[in-house]
Amino acid sequence: MTEKNDKHFYLIANEEWVEDIIDVALWAKCMTINEGDKKKSKYDYLRMRVESLINEEREKVQKKEKEDLLKQKEIQRKKEEARRRRRKAEIKQKEALLKQKAARKKEQEVQKREEARKKREEARKKYLKQVQSEIGTARMDTKLWAEAVETNLATGHETIVSFYIEKRISMLMNE
């Protein structure tokens, strides 16, 4: 404490003396040190009481500083905890978005495959009609018909026709 600040404590010690609020143990100590001289003991008492008040004030300030530091640490801990929770929530949100994106992409891929399958099926139906028309009007690919007959001669007419149709559709789809 500075000289300017300790004046307040001298006033307090003096008011206590005037109002007869005495620390009996401290007064006994002062009387002992000063061999019973009340005047000297009074001034030693006031000096020691001021020191005691200053020490009490320091302890209060230190206790408050310690409490404030603990509060600040707790606030910081809570902020850090909140930051971790926010970060964790952000990560979960990003993961959920990535899962949604992956699911949409997979769904789009499935749709594309389905559309491609439908197109192939439509093309196959179209080419089947064309090949059936070729067979019905005897405008068949002679080289392919000969291969069908040669490959399936022993199995019968239906197998020859099925073989021809499948090969011819395959050729048309690959054009």
N, C-alpha and C. Protein backbone atom coordinates (compact mmCIF):
# COMPACT_ATOMS: atom_id res chain seq x y z
N MET A 1 0.84 -1.18 0.00
CA MET A 1 0.00 0.00 0.00
C MET A 1 0.88 1.25 0.00
N THR A 2 0.44 2.23 -0.72
CA THR A 2 1.19 3.49 -0.76
C THR A 2 0.78 4.35 0.42
N GLU A 3 1.57 5.41 0.67
CA GLU A 3 1.27 6.32 1.77
C GLU A 3 -0.10 6.95 1.60
N LYS A 4 -0.42 7.25 0.35
CA LYS A 4 -1.71 7.87 0.06
C LYS A 4 -2.86 6.92 0.41
N ASN A 5 -2.70 5.65 0.12
CA ASN A 5 -3.75 4.67 0.36
C ASN A 5 -3.87 4.27 1.83
N ASP A 6 -2.75 4.33 2.58
CA ASP A 6 -2.82 3.83 3.95
C ASP A 6 -3.44 4.83 4.92
N LYS A 7 -3.67 6.05 4.50
CA LYS A 7 -4.32 7.04 5.37
C LYS A 7 -5.69 6.55 5.81
N HIS A 8 -6.37 5.92 4.89
CA HIS A 8 -7.70 5.37 5.17
C HIS A 8 -7.64 4.38 6.33
N PHE A 9 -6.59 3.56 6.35
CA PHE A 9 -6.46 2.54 7.40
C PHE A 9 -6.13 3.19 8.76
N TYR A 10 -5.37 4.29 8.73
CA TYR A 10 -5.09 5.01 9.99
C TYR A 10 -6.39 5.58 10.56
N LEU A 11 -7.27 6.06 9.65
CA LEU A 11 -8.55 6.58 10.13
C LEU A 11 -9.38 5.46 10.77
N ILE A 12 -9.40 4.32 10.13
CA ILE A 12 -10.17 3.19 10.67
C ILE A 12 -9.62 2.78 12.03
N ALA A 13 -8.29 2.64 12.12
CA ALA A 13 -7.67 2.23 13.39
C ALA A 13 -7.96 3.25 14.48
N ASN A 14 -7.89 4.51 14.14
CA ASN A 14 -8.15 5.57 15.13
C ASN A 14 -9.61 5.55 15.56
N GLU A 15 -10.56 5.38 14.59
CA GLU A 15 -11.99 5.31 14.95
C GLU A 15 -12.25 4.13 15.87
N GLU A 16 -11.61 2.99 15.59
CA GLU A 16 -11.77 1.83 16.48
C GLU A 16 -11.29 2.18 17.89
N TRP A 17 -10.15 2.88 17.99
CA TRP A 17 -9.59 3.25 19.30
C TRP A 17 -10.55 4.17 20.05
N VAL A 18 -11.06 5.17 19.31
CA VAL A 18 -11.97 6.14 19.92
C VAL A 18 -13.25 5.44 20.39
N GLU A 19 -13.75 4.53 19.59
CA GLU A 19 -15.00 3.83 19.93
C GLU A 19 -14.75 2.64 20.86
N ASP A 20 -13.52 2.49 21.30
CA ASP A 20 -13.12 1.44 22.24
C ASP A 20 -13.35 0.03 21.67
N ILE A 21 -13.11 -0.09 20.34
CA ILE A 21 -13.15 -1.42 19.70
C ILE A 21 -11.69 -1.85 19.58
N ILE A 22 -11.24 -2.59 20.56
CA ILE A 22 -9.82 -2.91 20.70
C ILE A 22 -9.60 -4.41 20.50
N ASP A 23 -8.56 -4.73 19.77
CA ASP A 23 -8.11 -6.12 19.65
C ASP A 23 -7.30 -6.41 20.91
N VAL A 24 -7.89 -7.14 21.83
CA VAL A 24 -7.32 -7.34 23.17
C VAL A 24 -5.94 -8.01 23.07
N ALA A 25 -5.79 -9.00 22.23
CA ALA A 25 -4.50 -9.69 22.11
C ALA A 25 -3.43 -8.74 21.60
N LEU A 26 -3.76 -7.91 20.63
CA LEU A 26 -2.80 -6.95 20.08
C LEU A 26 -2.44 -5.91 21.15
N TRP A 27 -3.43 -5.46 21.91
CA TRP A 27 -3.18 -4.47 22.98
C TRP A 27 -2.25 -5.08 24.03
N ALA A 28 -2.47 -6.32 24.38
CA ALA A 28 -1.61 -6.98 25.37
C ALA A 28 -0.18 -7.08 24.84
N LYS A 29 -0.03 -7.38 23.58
CA LYS A 29 1.30 -7.47 22.97
C LYS A 29 2.00 -6.12 23.04
N CYS A 30 1.29 -5.06 22.68
CA CYS A 30 1.87 -3.71 22.69
C CYS A 30 2.26 -3.29 24.13
N MET A 31 1.42 -3.59 25.10
CA MET A 31 1.71 -3.26 26.49
C MET A 31 2.96 -4.01 26.95
N THR A 32 3.09 -5.26 26.50
CA THR A 32 4.24 -6.07 26.89
C THR A 32 5.51 -5.49 26.27
N ILE A 33 5.47 -5.17 24.99
CA ILE A 33 6.63 -4.63 24.30
C ILE A 33 7.06 -3.31 24.95
N ASN A 34 6.09 -2.50 25.31
CA ASN A 34 6.39 -1.16 25.85
C ASN A 34 6.39 -1.16 27.39
N GLU A 35 6.45 -2.30 28.01
CA GLU A 35 6.61 -2.46 29.45
C GLU A 35 5.57 -1.66 30.24
N GLY A 36 4.33 -1.71 29.71
CA GLY A 36 3.21 -1.11 30.42
C GLY A 36 3.01 0.38 30.14
N ASP A 37 3.82 0.99 29.30
CA ASP A 37 3.67 2.41 28.96
C ASP A 37 2.48 2.53 28.02
N LYS A 38 1.36 3.10 28.55
CA LYS A 38 0.12 3.17 27.78
C LYS A 38 0.23 4.06 26.57
N LYS A 39 0.96 5.20 26.69
CA LYS A 39 1.08 6.15 25.58
C LYS A 39 1.83 5.50 24.41
N LYS A 40 3.00 4.90 24.70
CA LYS A 40 3.77 4.23 23.66
C LYS A 40 3.00 3.03 23.11
N SER A 41 2.33 2.32 23.97
CA SER A 41 1.55 1.14 23.57
C SER A 41 0.42 1.53 22.63
N LYS A 42 -0.20 2.71 22.93
CA LYS A 42 -1.29 3.18 22.05
C LYS A 42 -0.77 3.39 20.63
N TYR A 43 0.37 4.06 20.49
CA TYR A 43 0.89 4.35 19.15
C TYR A 43 1.40 3.08 18.45
N ASP A 44 2.01 2.18 19.21
CA ASP A 44 2.40 0.88 18.63
C ASP A 44 1.15 0.10 18.19
N TYR A 45 0.13 0.15 19.06
CA TYR A 45 -1.13 -0.54 18.75
C TYR A 45 -1.71 -0.01 17.44
N LEU A 46 -1.80 1.34 17.32
CA LEU A 46 -2.37 1.93 16.10
C LEU A 46 -1.53 1.54 14.87
N ARG A 47 -0.20 1.59 15.01
CA ARG A 47 0.68 1.21 13.88
C ARG A 47 0.45 -0.26 13.50
N MET A 48 0.45 -1.13 14.49
CA MET A 48 0.26 -2.57 14.22
C MET A 48 -1.15 -2.86 13.71
N ARG A 49 -2.12 -2.11 14.22
CA ARG A 49 -3.50 -2.31 13.75
C ARG A 49 -3.61 -1.89 12.28
N VAL A 50 -2.95 -0.78 11.91
CA VAL A 50 -2.94 -0.34 10.50
C VAL A 50 -2.30 -1.43 9.64
N GLU A 51 -1.17 -1.98 10.10
CA GLU A 51 -0.52 -3.07 9.35
C GLU A 51 -1.47 -4.25 9.19
N SER A 52 -2.18 -4.55 10.27
CA SER A 52 -3.14 -5.65 10.24
C SER A 52 -4.27 -5.37 9.24
N LEU A 53 -4.80 -4.13 9.26
CA LEU A 53 -5.86 -3.76 8.32
C LEU A 53 -5.36 -3.82 6.88
N ILE A 54 -4.12 -3.33 6.67
CA ILE A 54 -3.53 -3.39 5.32
C ILE A 54 -3.39 -4.84 4.87
N ASN A 55 -2.91 -5.71 5.76
CA ASN A 55 -2.77 -7.14 5.42
C ASN A 55 -4.13 -7.78 5.13
N GLU A 56 -5.12 -7.43 5.95
CA GLU A 56 -6.48 -7.96 5.70
C GLU A 56 -6.97 -7.51 4.33
N GLU A 57 -6.72 -6.23 4.01
CA GLU A 57 -7.15 -5.71 2.71
C GLU A 57 -6.41 -6.42 1.57
N ARG A 58 -5.11 -6.62 1.76
CA ARG A 58 -4.33 -7.36 0.73
C ARG A 58 -4.90 -8.76 0.52
N GLU A 59 -5.20 -9.42 1.65
CA GLU A 59 -5.77 -10.77 1.56
C GLU A 59 -7.10 -10.76 0.82
N LYS A 60 -7.93 -9.74 1.13
CA LYS A 60 -9.21 -9.62 0.43
C LYS A 60 -8.98 -9.43 -1.07
N VAL A 61 -8.04 -8.52 -1.39
CA VAL A 61 -7.74 -8.25 -2.81
C VAL A 61 -7.21 -9.51 -3.49
N GLN A 62 -6.28 -10.19 -2.80
CA GLN A 62 -5.72 -11.42 -3.38
C GLN A 62 -6.80 -12.49 -3.54
N LYS A 63 -7.67 -12.59 -2.53
CA LYS A 63 -8.76 -13.58 -2.62
C LYS A 63 -9.67 -13.24 -3.79
N LYS A 64 -10.00 -11.93 -3.92
CA LYS A 64 -10.86 -11.51 -5.03
C LYS A 64 -10.18 -11.76 -6.37
N GLU A 65 -8.88 -11.45 -6.45
CA GLU A 65 -8.14 -11.68 -7.69
C GLU A 65 -8.13 -13.17 -8.04
N LYS A 66 -7.95 -13.99 -6.99
CA LYS A 66 -7.95 -15.44 -7.20
C LYS A 66 -9.33 -15.91 -7.68
N GLU A 67 -10.38 -15.39 -7.02
CA GLU A 67 -11.74 -15.73 -7.43
C GLU A 67 -12.01 -15.28 -8.87
N ASP A 68 -11.56 -14.04 -9.17
CA ASP A 68 -11.75 -13.52 -10.52
C ASP A 68 -11.01 -14.37 -11.55
N LEU A 69 -9.79 -14.78 -11.17
CA LEU A 69 -9.00 -15.63 -12.07
C LEU A 69 -9.71 -16.97 -12.29
N LEU A 70 -10.23 -17.53 -11.21
CA LEU A 70 -10.97 -18.80 -11.34
C LEU A 70 -12.22 -18.61 -12.20
N LYS A 71 -12.91 -17.46 -12.00
CA LYS A 71 -14.09 -17.18 -12.83
C LYS A 71 -13.69 -17.06 -14.29
N GLN A 72 -12.59 -16.35 -14.54
CA GLN A 72 -12.11 -16.18 -15.92
C GLN A 72 -11.75 -17.53 -16.53
N LYS A 73 -11.09 -18.37 -15.73
CA LYS A 73 -10.74 -19.71 -16.23
C LYS A 73 -12.00 -20.52 -16.54
N GLU A 74 -13.00 -20.40 -15.66
CA GLU A 74 -14.26 -21.11 -15.88
C GLU A 74 -14.97 -20.59 -17.13
N ILE A 75 -14.96 -19.27 -17.28
CA ILE A 75 -15.57 -18.67 -18.48
C ILE A 75 -14.83 -19.17 -19.72
N GLN A 76 -13.51 -19.16 -19.65
CA GLN A 76 -12.70 -19.62 -20.79
C GLN A 76 -12.97 -21.09 -21.08
N ARG A 77 -13.07 -21.89 -20.01
CA ARG A 77 -13.36 -23.32 -20.19
C ARG A 77 -14.72 -23.53 -20.86
N LYS A 78 -15.71 -22.74 -20.40
CA LYS A 78 -17.05 -22.85 -20.98
C LYS A 78 -17.05 -22.40 -22.44
N LYS A 79 -16.30 -21.33 -22.72
CA LYS A 79 -16.20 -20.88 -24.11
C LYS A 79 -15.55 -21.95 -24.98
N GLU A 80 -14.50 -22.55 -24.47
CA GLU A 80 -13.79 -23.61 -25.21
C GLU A 80 -14.71 -24.81 -25.42
N GLU A 81 -15.44 -25.15 -24.37
CA GLU A 81 -16.39 -26.26 -24.47
C GLU A 81 -17.47 -25.96 -25.50
N ALA A 82 -17.98 -24.73 -25.47
CA ALA A 82 -19.00 -24.32 -26.45
C ALA A 82 -18.42 -24.34 -27.86
N ARG A 83 -17.17 -23.88 -27.99
CA ARG A 83 -16.52 -23.90 -29.31
C ARG A 83 -16.37 -25.34 -29.80
N ARG A 84 -15.98 -26.26 -28.91
CA ARG A 84 -15.86 -27.67 -29.30
C ARG A 84 -17.21 -28.25 -29.71
N ARG A 85 -18.26 -27.89 -28.94
CA ARG A 85 -19.60 -28.38 -29.30
C ARG A 85 -20.04 -27.85 -30.65
N ARG A 86 -19.77 -26.54 -30.89
CA ARG A 86 -20.13 -25.96 -32.20
C ARG A 86 -19.36 -26.65 -33.32
N ARG A 87 -18.07 -26.89 -33.08
CA ARG A 87 -17.23 -27.54 -34.11
C ARG A 87 -17.74 -28.96 -34.38
N LYS A 88 -18.08 -29.65 -33.31
CA LYS A 88 -18.60 -31.01 -33.45
C LYS A 88 -19.92 -30.99 -34.23
N ALA A 89 -20.78 -30.02 -33.92
CA ALA A 89 -22.06 -29.89 -34.64
C ALA A 89 -21.81 -29.55 -36.11
N GLU A 90 -20.83 -28.68 -36.37
CA GLU A 90 -20.49 -28.34 -37.75
C GLU A 90 -20.01 -29.57 -38.51
N ILE A 91 -19.17 -30.36 -37.85
CA ILE A 91 -18.66 -31.58 -38.48
C ILE A 91 -19.82 -32.54 -38.78
N LYS A 92 -20.72 -32.71 -37.81
CA LYS A 92 -21.87 -33.58 -38.03
C LYS A 92 -22.74 -33.07 -39.17
N GLN A 93 -22.90 -31.75 -39.22
CA GLN A 93 -23.71 -31.16 -40.28
C GLN A 93 -23.04 -31.39 -41.64
N LYS A 94 -21.72 -31.21 -41.70
CA LYS A 94 -21.00 -31.44 -42.95
C LYS A 94 -21.08 -32.91 -43.36
N GLU A 95 -20.94 -33.80 -42.37
CA GLU A 95 -21.05 -35.23 -42.66
C GLU A 95 -22.44 -35.56 -43.21
N ALA A 96 -23.47 -34.97 -42.60
CA ALA A 96 -24.84 -35.21 -43.06
C ALA A 96 -25.01 -34.70 -44.49
N LEU A 97 -24.46 -33.51 -44.77
CA LEU A 97 -24.54 -32.95 -46.13
C LEU A 97 -23.81 -33.84 -47.13
N LEU A 98 -22.64 -34.35 -46.72
CA LEU A 98 -21.89 -35.24 -47.61
C LEU A 98 -22.66 -36.54 -47.87
N LYS A 99 -23.30 -37.06 -46.82
CA LYS A 99 -24.11 -38.26 -46.99
C LYS A 99 -25.28 -37.99 -47.93
N GLN A 100 -25.93 -36.83 -47.75
CA GLN A 100 -27.05 -36.48 -48.64
C GLN A 100 -26.56 -36.35 -50.08
N LYS A 101 -25.42 -35.70 -50.24
CA LYS A 101 -24.86 -35.51 -51.58
C LYS A 101 -24.53 -36.86 -52.21
N ALA A 102 -23.92 -37.75 -51.43
CA ALA A 102 -23.58 -39.08 -51.93
C ALA A 102 -24.86 -39.86 -52.28
N ALA A 103 -25.88 -39.73 -51.43
CA ALA A 103 -27.14 -40.42 -51.70
C ALA A 103 -27.79 -39.89 -52.98
N ARG A 104 -27.76 -38.54 -53.16
CA ARG A 104 -28.32 -37.96 -54.40
C ARG A 104 -27.55 -38.43 -55.62
N LYS A 105 -26.22 -38.46 -55.48
CA LYS A 105 -25.38 -38.90 -56.60
C LYS A 105 -25.68 -40.36 -56.95
N LYS A 106 -25.79 -41.19 -55.91
CA LYS A 106 -26.10 -42.60 -56.14
C LYS A 106 -27.47 -42.74 -56.80
N GLU A 107 -28.43 -41.96 -56.30
CA GLU A 107 -29.78 -41.98 -56.87
C GLU A 107 -29.75 -41.56 -58.34
N GLN A 108 -28.96 -40.52 -58.64
CA GLN A 108 -28.83 -40.06 -60.03
C GLN A 108 -28.20 -41.14 -60.91
N GLU A 109 -27.19 -41.82 -60.36
CA GLU A 109 -26.55 -42.91 -61.11
C GLU A 109 -27.55 -44.03 -61.38
N VAL A 110 -28.34 -44.36 -60.38
CA VAL A 110 -29.36 -45.41 -60.55
C VAL A 110 -30.36 -44.97 -61.61
N GLN A 111 -30.77 -43.69 -61.56
CA GLN A 111 -31.72 -43.18 -62.56
C GLN A 111 -31.11 -43.24 -63.96
N LYS A 112 -29.83 -42.87 -64.08
CA LYS A 112 -29.17 -42.91 -65.39
C LYS A 112 -29.10 -44.34 -65.91
N ARG A 113 -28.75 -45.27 -65.03
CA ARG A 113 -28.70 -46.68 -65.46
C ARG A 113 -30.08 -47.16 -65.88
N GLU A 114 -31.10 -46.76 -65.11
CA GLU A 114 -32.46 -47.15 -65.44
C GLU A 114 -32.90 -46.55 -66.77
N GLU A 115 -32.55 -45.26 -66.98
CA GLU A 115 -32.88 -44.61 -68.25
C GLU A 115 -32.16 -45.29 -69.41
N ALA A 116 -30.89 -45.63 -69.19
CA ALA A 116 -30.12 -46.32 -70.24
C ALA A 116 -30.72 -47.69 -70.52
N ARG A 117 -31.13 -48.39 -69.45
CA ARG A 117 -31.75 -49.71 -69.64
C ARG A 117 -33.06 -49.58 -70.43
N LYS A 118 -33.86 -48.54 -70.07
CA LYS A 118 -35.12 -48.33 -70.79
C LYS A 118 -34.86 -48.00 -72.25
N LYS A 119 -33.85 -47.17 -72.51
CA LYS A 119 -33.52 -46.82 -73.90
C LYS A 119 -33.08 -48.06 -74.67
N ARG A 120 -32.25 -48.89 -74.02
CA ARG A 120 -31.82 -50.13 -74.68
C ARG A 120 -33.02 -51.03 -74.96
N GLU A 121 -33.92 -51.10 -73.98
CA GLU A 121 -35.11 -51.94 -74.14
C GLU A 121 -35.99 -51.41 -75.27
N GLU A 122 -36.16 -50.06 -75.31
CA GLU A 122 -36.96 -49.46 -76.39
C GLU A 122 -36.31 -49.71 -77.75
N ALA A 123 -34.97 -49.54 -77.78
CA ALA A 123 -34.25 -49.79 -79.04
C ALA A 123 -34.39 -51.26 -79.43
N ARG A 124 -34.27 -52.14 -78.45
CA ARG A 124 -34.39 -53.58 -78.72
C ARG A 124 -35.77 -53.90 -79.30
N LYS A 125 -36.84 -53.30 -78.69
CA LYS A 125 -38.20 -53.54 -79.20
C LYS A 125 -38.33 -53.03 -80.63
N LYS A 126 -37.76 -51.82 -80.86
CA LYS A 126 -37.81 -51.24 -82.21
C LYS A 126 -37.08 -52.15 -83.21
N TYR A 127 -35.89 -52.59 -82.82
CA TYR A 127 -35.11 -53.44 -83.73
C TYR A 127 -35.75 -54.83 -83.87
N LEU A 128 -36.41 -55.30 -82.81
CA LEU A 128 -37.10 -56.59 -82.90
C LEU A 128 -38.20 -56.51 -83.96
N LYS A 129 -38.94 -55.42 -83.96
CA LYS A 129 -39.99 -55.24 -84.99
C LYS A 129 -39.36 -55.20 -86.37
N GLN A 130 -38.24 -54.50 -86.46
CA GLN A 130 -37.56 -54.39 -87.77
C GLN A 130 -37.08 -55.76 -88.23
N VAL A 131 -36.49 -56.54 -87.32
CA VAL A 131 -35.98 -57.87 -87.68
C VAL A 131 -37.15 -58.81 -88.01
N GLN A 132 -38.23 -58.72 -87.22
CA GLN A 132 -39.40 -59.55 -87.52
C GLN A 132 -39.96 -59.20 -88.90
N SER A 133 -39.94 -57.90 -89.22
CA SER A 133 -40.39 -57.46 -90.55
C SER A 133 -39.46 -58.02 -91.64
N GLU A 134 -38.15 -58.00 -91.36
CA GLU A 134 -37.18 -58.55 -92.32
C GLU A 134 -37.46 -60.04 -92.57
N ILE A 135 -37.71 -60.75 -91.47
CA ILE A 135 -37.98 -62.20 -91.59
C ILE A 135 -39.29 -62.43 -92.35
N GLY A 136 -40.30 -61.63 -91.98
CA GLY A 136 -41.62 -61.78 -92.61
C GLY A 136 -41.59 -61.47 -94.10
N THR A 137 -40.75 -60.57 -94.51
CA THR A 137 -40.70 -60.19 -95.93
C THR A 137 -39.53 -60.86 -96.64
N ALA A 138 -38.85 -61.76 -95.95
CA ALA A 138 -37.71 -62.52 -96.50
C ALA A 138 -36.59 -61.58 -96.97
N ARG A 139 -36.36 -60.49 -96.27
CA ARG A 139 -35.25 -59.58 -96.60
C ARG A 139 -34.17 -59.71 -95.53
N MET A 140 -33.84 -60.91 -95.18
CA MET A 140 -32.89 -61.18 -94.12
C MET A 140 -31.46 -60.98 -94.60
N ASP A 141 -30.59 -60.79 -93.61
CA ASP A 141 -29.15 -60.75 -93.88
C ASP A 141 -28.74 -62.20 -94.14
N THR A 142 -28.43 -62.52 -95.38
CA THR A 142 -28.18 -63.92 -95.78
C THR A 142 -26.97 -64.50 -95.09
N LYS A 143 -25.94 -63.73 -94.92
CA LYS A 143 -24.73 -64.24 -94.26
C LYS A 143 -25.06 -64.61 -92.80
N LEU A 144 -25.81 -63.75 -92.10
CA LEU A 144 -26.19 -64.00 -90.72
C LEU A 144 -27.16 -65.19 -90.64
N TRP A 145 -28.09 -65.30 -91.60
CA TRP A 145 -29.05 -66.41 -91.62
C TRP A 145 -28.30 -67.73 -91.80
N ALA A 146 -27.30 -67.72 -92.66
CA ALA A 146 -26.51 -68.94 -92.89
C ALA A 146 -25.77 -69.34 -91.62
N GLU A 147 -25.23 -68.37 -90.88
CA GLU A 147 -24.54 -68.65 -89.63
C GLU A 147 -25.52 -69.22 -88.61
N ALA A 148 -26.74 -68.69 -88.55
CA ALA A 148 -27.75 -69.18 -87.62
C ALA A 148 -28.13 -70.62 -87.94
N VAL A 149 -28.29 -70.90 -89.24
CA VAL A 149 -28.68 -72.26 -89.64
C VAL A 149 -27.54 -73.22 -89.31
N GLU A 150 -26.33 -72.83 -89.63
CA GLU A 150 -25.17 -73.69 -89.41
C GLU A 150 -24.97 -73.97 -87.92
N THR A 151 -25.12 -72.96 -87.09
CA THR A 151 -24.88 -73.09 -85.66
C THR A 151 -25.98 -73.90 -84.98
N ASN A 152 -27.24 -73.76 -85.42
CA ASN A 152 -28.37 -74.36 -84.71
C ASN A 152 -29.14 -75.38 -85.54
N LEU A 153 -28.52 -75.98 -86.50
CA LEU A 153 -29.20 -76.91 -87.41
C LEU A 153 -29.85 -78.07 -86.64
N ALA A 154 -29.17 -78.59 -85.69
CA ALA A 154 -29.68 -79.76 -84.98
C ALA A 154 -30.78 -79.41 -83.99
N THR A 155 -30.93 -78.15 -83.59
CA THR A 155 -31.88 -77.80 -82.54
C THR A 155 -33.24 -77.38 -83.06
N GLY A 156 -33.38 -77.08 -84.28
CA GLY A 156 -34.70 -76.78 -84.83
C GLY A 156 -34.85 -75.36 -85.33
N HIS A 157 -35.98 -75.16 -86.04
CA HIS A 157 -36.27 -73.89 -86.71
C HIS A 157 -36.39 -72.71 -85.73
N GLU A 158 -37.08 -72.93 -84.58
CA GLU A 158 -37.26 -71.83 -83.62
C GLU A 158 -35.94 -71.35 -83.07
N THR A 159 -35.03 -72.21 -82.82
CA THR A 159 -33.71 -71.84 -82.31
C THR A 159 -32.95 -71.05 -83.36
N ILE A 160 -33.08 -71.45 -84.61
CA ILE A 160 -32.40 -70.74 -85.70
C ILE A 160 -32.94 -69.31 -85.79
N VAL A 161 -34.26 -69.17 -85.71
CA VAL A 161 -34.88 -67.85 -85.80
C VAL A 161 -34.47 -67.00 -84.59
N SER A 162 -34.50 -67.58 -83.37
CA SER A 162 -34.11 -66.86 -82.16
C SER A 162 -32.66 -66.40 -82.25
N PHE A 163 -31.79 -67.29 -82.72
CA PHE A 163 -30.38 -66.94 -82.87
C PHE A 163 -30.23 -65.78 -83.85
N TYR A 164 -30.92 -65.88 -84.99
CA TYR A 164 -30.84 -64.83 -86.01
C TYR A 164 -31.33 -63.49 -85.43
N ILE A 165 -32.46 -63.54 -84.75
CA ILE A 165 -33.04 -62.30 -84.19
C ILE A 165 -32.07 -61.66 -83.21
N GLU A 166 -31.52 -62.44 -82.28
CA GLU A 166 -30.61 -61.89 -81.27
C GLU A 166 -29.36 -61.30 -81.91
N LYS A 167 -28.78 -62.01 -82.85
CA LYS A 167 -27.56 -61.53 -83.52
C LYS A 167 -27.87 -60.26 -84.32
N ARG A 168 -28.99 -60.26 -85.02
CA ARG A 168 -29.33 -59.12 -85.88
C ARG A 168 -29.62 -57.88 -85.02
N ILE A 169 -30.36 -58.05 -83.93
CA ILE A 169 -30.63 -56.92 -83.01
C ILE A 169 -29.30 -56.39 -82.46
N SER A 170 -28.42 -57.29 -82.07
CA SER A 170 -27.12 -56.89 -81.55
C SER A 170 -26.34 -56.08 -82.58
N MET A 171 -26.39 -56.51 -83.82
CA MET A 171 -25.70 -55.78 -84.90
C MET A 171 -26.31 -54.38 -85.08
N LEU A 172 -27.64 -54.30 -85.09
CA LEU A 172 -28.32 -53.01 -85.28
C LEU A 172 -28.03 -52.06 -84.10
N MET A 173 -28.00 -52.58 -82.88
CA MET A 173 -27.77 -51.73 -81.73
C MET A 173 -26.33 -51.21 -81.69
N ASN A 174 -25.42 -51.98 -82.25
CA ASN A 174 -24.01 -51.57 -82.27
C ASN A 174 -23.65 -50.67 -83.43
N GLU A 175 -24.59 -50.44 -84.34
CA GLU A 175 -24.30 -49.57 -85.48
C GLU A 175 -24.22 -48.13 -85.08
